[in-house]
Amino acid sequence: MARVVVDVMLKPEILDPQGQAVQRALPRLGFEGISDVRQGKRFELEVDGPVDDAALARIRDLAESFLANTVIEDFTVRVDEVAEAAK
């Protein structure tokens, strides 16, 4: 079994009110020097069998049609190498 990670983030040109709220709160909490925060989503998918090109293509289709709103969000798909190495 392998783990594939899909990270979904708002496109850079889209306003991120949650990220802005976190960024504004950081100095009050004693965290200086952070100039920008963007908030996103992370999905971890456990995949039965090998993660080959066909499996990654299916997961990209899943991300594009279900996990991300591609009008306002970008996504990346990657195999979690740390999880693979721990086996």
C-alpha atoms as a PDB file:
ATOM      1  CA  MET A   1       0.000   0.000   0.000  1.00  0.00           C
ATOM      2  CA  ALA A   2       1.301   3.451  -0.888  1.00  0.00           C
ATOM      3  CA  ARG A   3       0.307   6.944   0.150  1.00  0.00           C
ATOM      4  CA  VAL A   4      -0.352   9.671  -2.389  1.00  0.00           C
ATOM      5  CA  VAL A   5      -0.731  13.266  -1.223  1.00  0.00           C
ATOM      6  CA  VAL A   6      -2.879  15.841  -3.009  1.00  0.00           C
ATOM      7  CA  ASP A   7      -2.249  19.433  -1.912  1.00  0.00           C
ATOM      8  CA  VAL A   8      -4.894  21.978  -2.932  1.00  0.00           C
ATOM      9  CA  MET A   9      -4.205  25.712  -2.704  1.00  0.00           C
ATOM     10  CA  LEU A  10      -6.055  28.803  -3.815  1.00  0.00           C
ATOM     11  CA  LYS A  11      -4.560  30.270  -6.970  1.00  0.00           C
ATOM     12  CA  PRO A  12      -2.209  33.184  -6.199  1.00  0.00           C
ATOM     13  CA  GLU A  13      -4.613  35.757  -7.630  1.00  0.00           C
ATOM     14  CA  ILE A  14      -7.502  34.609  -5.399  1.00  0.00           C
ATOM     15  CA  LEU A  15      -8.021  36.429  -2.090  1.00  0.00           C
ATOM     16  CA  ASP A  16      -7.369  34.166   0.918  1.00  0.00           C
ATOM     17  CA  PRO A  17      -9.243  35.634   3.912  1.00  0.00           C
ATOM     18  CA  GLN A  18      -8.316  32.744   6.241  1.00  0.00           C
ATOM     19  CA  GLY A  19      -4.642  33.113   5.395  1.00  0.00           C
ATOM     20  CA  GLN A  20      -4.851  36.878   5.916  1.00  0.00           C
ATOM     21  CA  ALA A  21      -6.514  36.426   9.316  1.00  0.00           C
ATOM     22  CA  VAL A  22      -3.737  34.067  10.413  1.00  0.00           C
ATOM     23  CA  GLN A  23      -1.052  36.433   9.073  1.00  0.00           C
ATOM     24  CA  ARG A  24      -2.529  39.386  10.986  1.00  0.00           C
ATOM     25  CA  ALA A  25      -2.710  37.344  14.219  1.00  0.00           C
ATOM     26  CA  LEU A  26       0.905  36.128  14.158  1.00  0.00           C
ATOM     27  CA  PRO A  27       2.571  39.324  15.496  1.00  0.00           C
ATOM     28  CA  ARG A  28       0.094  39.445  18.392  1.00  0.00           C
ATOM     29  CA  LEU A  29       1.131  35.893  19.237  1.00  0.00           C
ATOM     30  CA  GLY A  30       4.822  36.750  19.169  1.00  0.00           C
ATOM     31  CA  PHE A  31       5.652  35.409  15.691  1.00  0.00           C
ATOM     32  CA  GLU A  32       7.459  38.116  13.730  1.00  0.00           C
ATOM     33  CA  GLY A  33       8.862  38.089  10.222  1.00  0.00           C
ATOM     34  CA  ILE A  34       6.027  36.225   8.469  1.00  0.00           C
ATOM     35  CA  SER A  35       4.974  38.353   5.502  1.00  0.00           C
ATOM     36  CA  ASP A  36       2.257  36.146   3.978  1.00  0.00           C
ATOM     37  CA  VAL A  37       0.152  33.092   4.830  1.00  0.00           C
ATOM     38  CA  ARG A  38      -1.888  31.010   2.397  1.00  0.00           C
ATOM     39  CA  GLN A  39      -4.275  28.369   3.708  1.00  0.00           C
ATOM     40  CA  GLY A  40      -5.005  25.175   1.771  1.00  0.00           C
ATOM     41  CA  LYS A  41      -6.119  21.561   1.974  1.00  0.00           C
ATOM     42  CA  ARG A  42      -4.149  18.305   2.083  1.00  0.00           C
ATOM     43  CA  PHE A  43      -5.594  14.925   1.156  1.00  0.00           C
ATOM     44  CA  GLU A  44      -3.734  11.675   1.898  1.00  0.00           C
ATOM     45  CA  LEU A  45      -4.885   8.734  -0.184  1.00  0.00           C
ATOM     46  CA  GLU A  46      -3.872   5.162   0.628  1.00  0.00           C
ATOM     47  CA  VAL A  47      -3.546   3.301  -2.664  1.00  0.00           C
ATOM     48  CA  ASP A  48      -3.694  -0.489  -2.989  1.00  0.00           C
ATOM     49  CA  GLY A  49      -0.971  -1.821  -5.239  1.00  0.00           C
ATOM     50  CA  PRO A  50       1.797   0.061  -7.010  1.00  0.00           C
ATOM     51  CA  VAL A  51       1.568   3.764  -7.709  1.00  0.00           C
ATOM     52  CA  ASP A  52       2.405   3.766 -11.396  1.00  0.00           C
ATOM     53  CA  ASP A  53       1.652   6.360 -14.069  1.00  0.00           C
ATOM     54  CA  ALA A  54      -1.880   5.010 -14.541  1.00  0.00           C
ATOM     55  CA  ALA A  55      -2.663   5.246 -10.814  1.00  0.00           C
ATOM     56  CA  LEU A  56      -1.303   8.795 -10.648  1.00  0.00           C
ATOM     57  CA  ALA A  57      -3.389   9.748 -13.692  1.00  0.00           C
ATOM     58  CA  ARG A  58      -6.542   8.419 -11.969  1.00  0.00           C
ATOM     59  CA  ILE A  59      -5.698  10.397  -8.831  1.00  0.00           C
ATOM     60  CA  ARG A  60      -5.105  13.566 -10.884  1.00  0.00           C
ATOM     61  CA  ASP A  61      -8.549  13.051 -12.456  1.00  0.00           C
ATOM     62  CA  LEU A  62     -10.017  12.611  -8.961  1.00  0.00           C
ATOM     63  CA  ALA A  63      -8.325  15.779  -7.740  1.00  0.00           C
ATOM     64  CA  GLU A  64      -9.419  17.801 -10.754  1.00  0.00           C
ATOM     65  CA  SER A  65     -13.042  16.663 -10.678  1.00  0.00           C
ATOM     66  CA  PHE A  66     -13.698  16.234  -6.944  1.00  0.00           C
ATOM     67  CA  LEU A  67     -11.019  17.476  -4.541  1.00  0.00           C
ATOM     68  CA  ALA A  68     -10.232  20.867  -6.097  1.00  0.00           C
ATOM     69  CA  ASN A  69     -12.306  23.649  -7.596  1.00  0.00           C
ATOM     70  CA  THR A  70      -9.979  24.283 -10.524  1.00  0.00           C
ATOM     71  CA  VAL A  71     -11.558  27.657 -11.258  1.00  0.00           C
ATOM     72  CA  ILE A  72      -9.995  29.085  -8.088  1.00  0.00           C
ATOM     73  CA  GLU A  73      -7.619  26.351  -6.855  1.00  0.00           C
ATOM     74  CA  ASP A  74      -4.441  24.654  -8.054  1.00  0.00           C
ATOM     75  CA  PHE A  75      -3.399  21.198  -6.931  1.00  0.00           C
ATOM     76  CA  THR A  76      -0.334  18.975  -6.870  1.00  0.00           C
ATOM     77  CA  VAL A  77      -0.179  15.187  -6.660  1.00  0.00           C
ATOM     78  CA  ARG A  78       2.835  13.352  -5.244  1.00  0.00           C
ATOM     79  CA  VAL A  79       3.777  10.026  -3.745  1.00  0.00           C
ATOM     80  CA  ASP A  80       4.620  10.382  -0.059  1.00  0.00           C
ATOM     81  CA  GLU A  81       8.208   9.133  -0.076  1.00  0.00           C
ATOM     82  CA  VAL A  82       8.478   9.298   3.719  1.00  0.00           C
ATOM     83  CA  ALA A  83       5.584   6.874   4.110  1.00  0.00           C
ATOM     84  CA  GLU A  84       7.147   4.618   1.486  1.00  0.00           C
ATOM     85  CA  ALA A  85      10.533   4.628   3.237  1.00  0.00           C
ATOM     86  CA  ALA A  86       8.980   3.796   6.614  1.00  0.00           C
ATOM     87  CA  LYS A  87       7.613   0.484   5.341  1.00  0.00           C
END
